[in-house]
Amino acid sequence: MLTTNDRRSYEARLLEERRRAVRMLQQSAKEQVSDETDGDPGDRAALETERHLGQLVSTKESDTVAAIDEALRLIATSPEKYGFCRKCGKPIPRARLEVLPWALDCERHAPRG
């Protein structure tokens, strides 16, 4: 069972991770806007590959921010539920929360992606 201090610690980590993810999104957005080229087909292909990778990073970071926001909302509104799987109600192992403090489901019920 998580203590109030545990939840505060996870909340601080969530806020830190949210700031990191938002910075990544901002950087990705700047990079996607800044590189236009009339170069040869190889240059255009490389630029298109970079844009695609940037979009993948943006999607991942956007999903991370949304998950973090949901975890922060849970801590703020129902702190006693944070650290328990939304599907089965069993405790989420601390090892999982250490890696993914925004995890709201146990590994068995986590969405696969």
C-alpha atoms as a PDB file:
ATOM      1  CA  MET A   1       0.000   0.000   0.000  1.00  0.00           C
ATOM      2  CA  LEU A   2       1.286   3.456  -0.881  1.00  0.00           C
ATOM      3  CA  THR A   3       1.746   6.050   1.813  1.00  0.00           C
ATOM      4  CA  THR A   4       1.010   9.747   1.454  1.00  0.00           C
ATOM      5  CA  ASN A   5       4.756  10.336   1.093  1.00  0.00           C
ATOM      6  CA  ASP A   6       4.939   7.671  -1.650  1.00  0.00           C
ATOM      7  CA  ARG A   7       2.150   9.412  -3.567  1.00  0.00           C
ATOM      8  CA  ARG A   8       3.841  12.798  -3.152  1.00  0.00           C
ATOM      9  CA  SER A   9       7.070  11.336  -4.477  1.00  0.00           C
ATOM     10  CA  TYR A  10       5.293   9.817  -7.492  1.00  0.00           C
ATOM     11  CA  GLU A  11       3.436  13.089  -8.053  1.00  0.00           C
ATOM     12  CA  ALA A  12       6.738  14.991  -8.150  1.00  0.00           C
ATOM     13  CA  ARG A  13       8.146  12.463 -10.616  1.00  0.00           C
ATOM     14  CA  LEU A  14       5.011  12.737 -12.745  1.00  0.00           C
ATOM     15  CA  LEU A  15       5.312  16.520 -12.884  1.00  0.00           C
ATOM     16  CA  GLU A  16       8.986  16.253 -13.814  1.00  0.00           C
ATOM     17  CA  GLU A  17       8.248  13.700 -16.539  1.00  0.00           C
ATOM     18  CA  ARG A  18       5.392  15.849 -17.843  1.00  0.00           C
ATOM     19  CA  ARG A  19       7.739  18.840 -18.194  1.00  0.00           C
ATOM     20  CA  ARG A  20      10.232  16.640 -20.082  1.00  0.00           C
ATOM     21  CA  ALA A  21       7.555  15.305 -22.433  1.00  0.00           C
ATOM     22  CA  VAL A  22       6.198  18.797 -23.142  1.00  0.00           C
ATOM     23  CA  ARG A  23       9.717  20.026 -23.942  1.00  0.00           C
ATOM     24  CA  MET A  24      10.128  17.100 -26.364  1.00  0.00           C
ATOM     25  CA  LEU A  25       6.815  17.988 -28.026  1.00  0.00           C
ATOM     26  CA  GLN A  26       7.837  21.633 -28.375  1.00  0.00           C
ATOM     27  CA  GLN A  27      11.215  20.669 -29.821  1.00  0.00           C
ATOM     28  CA  SER A  28       9.620  18.239 -32.258  1.00  0.00           C
ATOM     29  CA  ALA A  29       7.150  20.889 -33.396  1.00  0.00           C
ATOM     30  CA  LYS A  30       9.975  23.374 -34.031  1.00  0.00           C
ATOM     31  CA  GLU A  31      11.934  20.817 -36.020  1.00  0.00           C
ATOM     32  CA  GLN A  32       8.937  19.860 -38.170  1.00  0.00           C
ATOM     33  CA  VAL A  33       8.325  23.486 -39.125  1.00  0.00           C
ATOM     34  CA  SER A  34      11.921  24.568 -39.710  1.00  0.00           C
ATOM     35  CA  ASP A  35      13.299  22.262 -42.433  1.00  0.00           C
ATOM     36  CA  GLU A  36      12.049  22.928 -45.935  1.00  0.00           C
ATOM     37  CA  THR A  37      14.346  22.033 -48.812  1.00  0.00           C
ATOM     38  CA  ASP A  38      14.336  22.099 -52.580  1.00  0.00           C
ATOM     39  CA  GLY A  39      17.275  19.694 -52.623  1.00  0.00           C
ATOM     40  CA  ASP A  40      17.683  16.559 -54.636  1.00  0.00           C
ATOM     41  CA  PRO A  41      15.361  13.557 -54.222  1.00  0.00           C
ATOM     42  CA  GLY A  42      17.696  12.018 -51.626  1.00  0.00           C
ATOM     43  CA  ASP A  43      17.508  15.177 -49.495  1.00  0.00           C
ATOM     44  CA  ARG A  44      13.720  15.248 -49.781  1.00  0.00           C
ATOM     45  CA  ALA A  45      13.490  11.550 -48.856  1.00  0.00           C
ATOM     46  CA  ALA A  46      15.725  12.074 -45.818  1.00  0.00           C
ATOM     47  CA  LEU A  47      13.627  15.069 -44.751  1.00  0.00           C
ATOM     48  CA  GLU A  48      10.429  13.067 -45.135  1.00  0.00           C
ATOM     49  CA  THR A  49      11.894  10.257 -43.017  1.00  0.00           C
ATOM     50  CA  GLU A  50      12.881  12.769 -40.327  1.00  0.00           C
ATOM     51  CA  ARG A  51       9.375  14.255 -40.353  1.00  0.00           C
ATOM     52  CA  HIS A  52       7.829  10.817 -40.007  1.00  0.00           C
ATOM     53  CA  LEU A  53      10.092   9.995 -37.053  1.00  0.00           C
ATOM     54  CA  GLY A  54       9.251  13.380 -35.540  1.00  0.00           C
ATOM     55  CA  GLN A  55       5.551  12.618 -35.848  1.00  0.00           C
ATOM     56  CA  LEU A  56       6.064   9.253 -34.135  1.00  0.00           C
ATOM     57  CA  VAL A  57       7.911  10.947 -31.280  1.00  0.00           C
ATOM     58  CA  SER A  58       5.166  13.576 -31.029  1.00  0.00           C
ATOM     59  CA  THR A  59       2.462  10.920 -30.854  1.00  0.00           C
ATOM     60  CA  LYS A  60       4.340   8.982 -28.183  1.00  0.00           C
ATOM     61  CA  GLU A  61       5.003  12.106 -26.117  1.00  0.00           C
ATOM     62  CA  SER A  62       1.380  13.284 -26.503  1.00  0.00           C
ATOM     63  CA  ASP A  63       0.175   9.900 -25.264  1.00  0.00           C
ATOM     64  CA  THR A  64       2.613  10.109 -22.355  1.00  0.00           C
ATOM     65  CA  VAL A  65       1.395  13.593 -21.373  1.00  0.00           C
ATOM     66  CA  ALA A  66      -2.227  12.385 -21.484  1.00  0.00           C
ATOM     67  CA  ALA A  67      -1.400   9.372 -19.290  1.00  0.00           C
ATOM     68  CA  ILE A  68       0.527  11.562 -16.846  1.00  0.00           C
ATOM     69  CA  ASP A  69      -2.375  14.005 -16.666  1.00  0.00           C
ATOM     70  CA  GLU A  70      -4.734  11.133 -15.879  1.00  0.00           C
ATOM     71  CA  ALA A  71      -2.432   9.858 -13.112  1.00  0.00           C
ATOM     72  CA  LEU A  72      -2.112  13.375 -11.663  1.00  0.00           C
ATOM     73  CA  ARG A  73      -5.895  13.777 -11.770  1.00  0.00           C
ATOM     74  CA  LEU A  74      -6.293  10.484  -9.916  1.00  0.00           C
ATOM     75  CA  ILE A  75      -3.783  11.513  -7.249  1.00  0.00           C
ATOM     76  CA  ALA A  76      -5.590  14.846  -6.823  1.00  0.00           C
ATOM     77  CA  THR A  77      -9.165  13.514  -6.733  1.00  0.00           C
ATOM     78  CA  SER A  78      -8.872   9.938  -5.416  1.00  0.00           C
ATOM     79  CA  PRO A  79      -5.390   9.455  -3.982  1.00  0.00           C
ATOM     80  CA  GLU A  80      -6.380   6.188  -2.336  1.00  0.00           C
ATOM     81  CA  LYS A  81      -6.952   4.698  -5.806  1.00  0.00           C
ATOM     82  CA  TYR A  82      -3.539   5.633  -7.194  1.00  0.00           C
ATOM     83  CA  GLY A  83      -1.317   2.548  -7.373  1.00  0.00           C
ATOM     84  CA  PHE A  84      -4.217   0.165  -7.949  1.00  0.00           C
ATOM     85  CA  CYS A  85      -5.238  -1.295 -11.309  1.00  0.00           C
ATOM     86  CA  ARG A  86      -8.357   0.331 -12.774  1.00  0.00           C
ATOM     87  CA  LYS A  87      -9.495  -3.019 -14.199  1.00  0.00           C
ATOM     88  CA  CYS A  88      -8.921  -5.572 -11.435  1.00  0.00           C
ATOM     89  CA  GLY A  89      -8.298  -3.355  -8.402  1.00  0.00           C
ATOM     90  CA  LYS A  90      -5.103  -5.177  -7.440  1.00  0.00           C
ATOM     91  CA  PRO A  91      -2.028  -3.167  -6.406  1.00  0.00           C
ATOM     92  CA  ILE A  92       0.273  -2.157  -9.233  1.00  0.00           C
ATOM     93  CA  PRO A  93       3.725  -3.466  -8.306  1.00  0.00           C
ATOM     94  CA  ARG A  94       6.120  -0.765  -7.098  1.00  0.00           C
ATOM     95  CA  ALA A  95       8.648  -1.903  -9.687  1.00  0.00           C
ATOM     96  CA  ARG A  96       6.134  -0.975 -12.403  1.00  0.00           C
ATOM     97  CA  LEU A  97       5.374   2.397 -10.788  1.00  0.00           C
ATOM     98  CA  GLU A  98       9.087   3.121 -10.499  1.00  0.00           C
ATOM     99  CA  VAL A  99       9.441   2.723 -14.265  1.00  0.00           C
ATOM    100  CA  LEU A 100       6.025   4.125 -15.257  1.00  0.00           C
ATOM    101  CA  PRO A 101       4.617   6.286 -12.464  1.00  0.00           C
ATOM    102  CA  TRP A 102       1.713   7.088 -14.800  1.00  0.00           C
ATOM    103  CA  ALA A 103       0.708   3.410 -15.016  1.00  0.00           C
ATOM    104  CA  LEU A 104      -2.954   3.085 -14.045  1.00  0.00           C
ATOM    105  CA  ASP A 105      -3.263  -0.598 -14.869  1.00  0.00           C
ATOM    106  CA  CYS A 106      -1.325  -3.642 -13.779  1.00  0.00           C
ATOM    107  CA  GLU A 107       0.856  -5.275 -16.426  1.00  0.00           C
ATOM    108  CA  ARG A 108      -1.843  -7.860 -17.187  1.00  0.00           C
ATOM    109  CA  HIS A 109      -4.443  -5.177 -17.991  1.00  0.00           C
ATOM    110  CA  ALA A 110      -2.175  -2.548 -19.541  1.00  0.00           C
ATOM    111  CA  PRO A 111      -3.028  -1.588 -23.119  1.00  0.00           C
ATOM    112  CA  ARG A 112      -0.706  -3.158 -25.647  1.00  0.00           C
ATOM    113  CA  GLY A 113       0.801  -0.859 -28.161  1.00  0.00           C
END
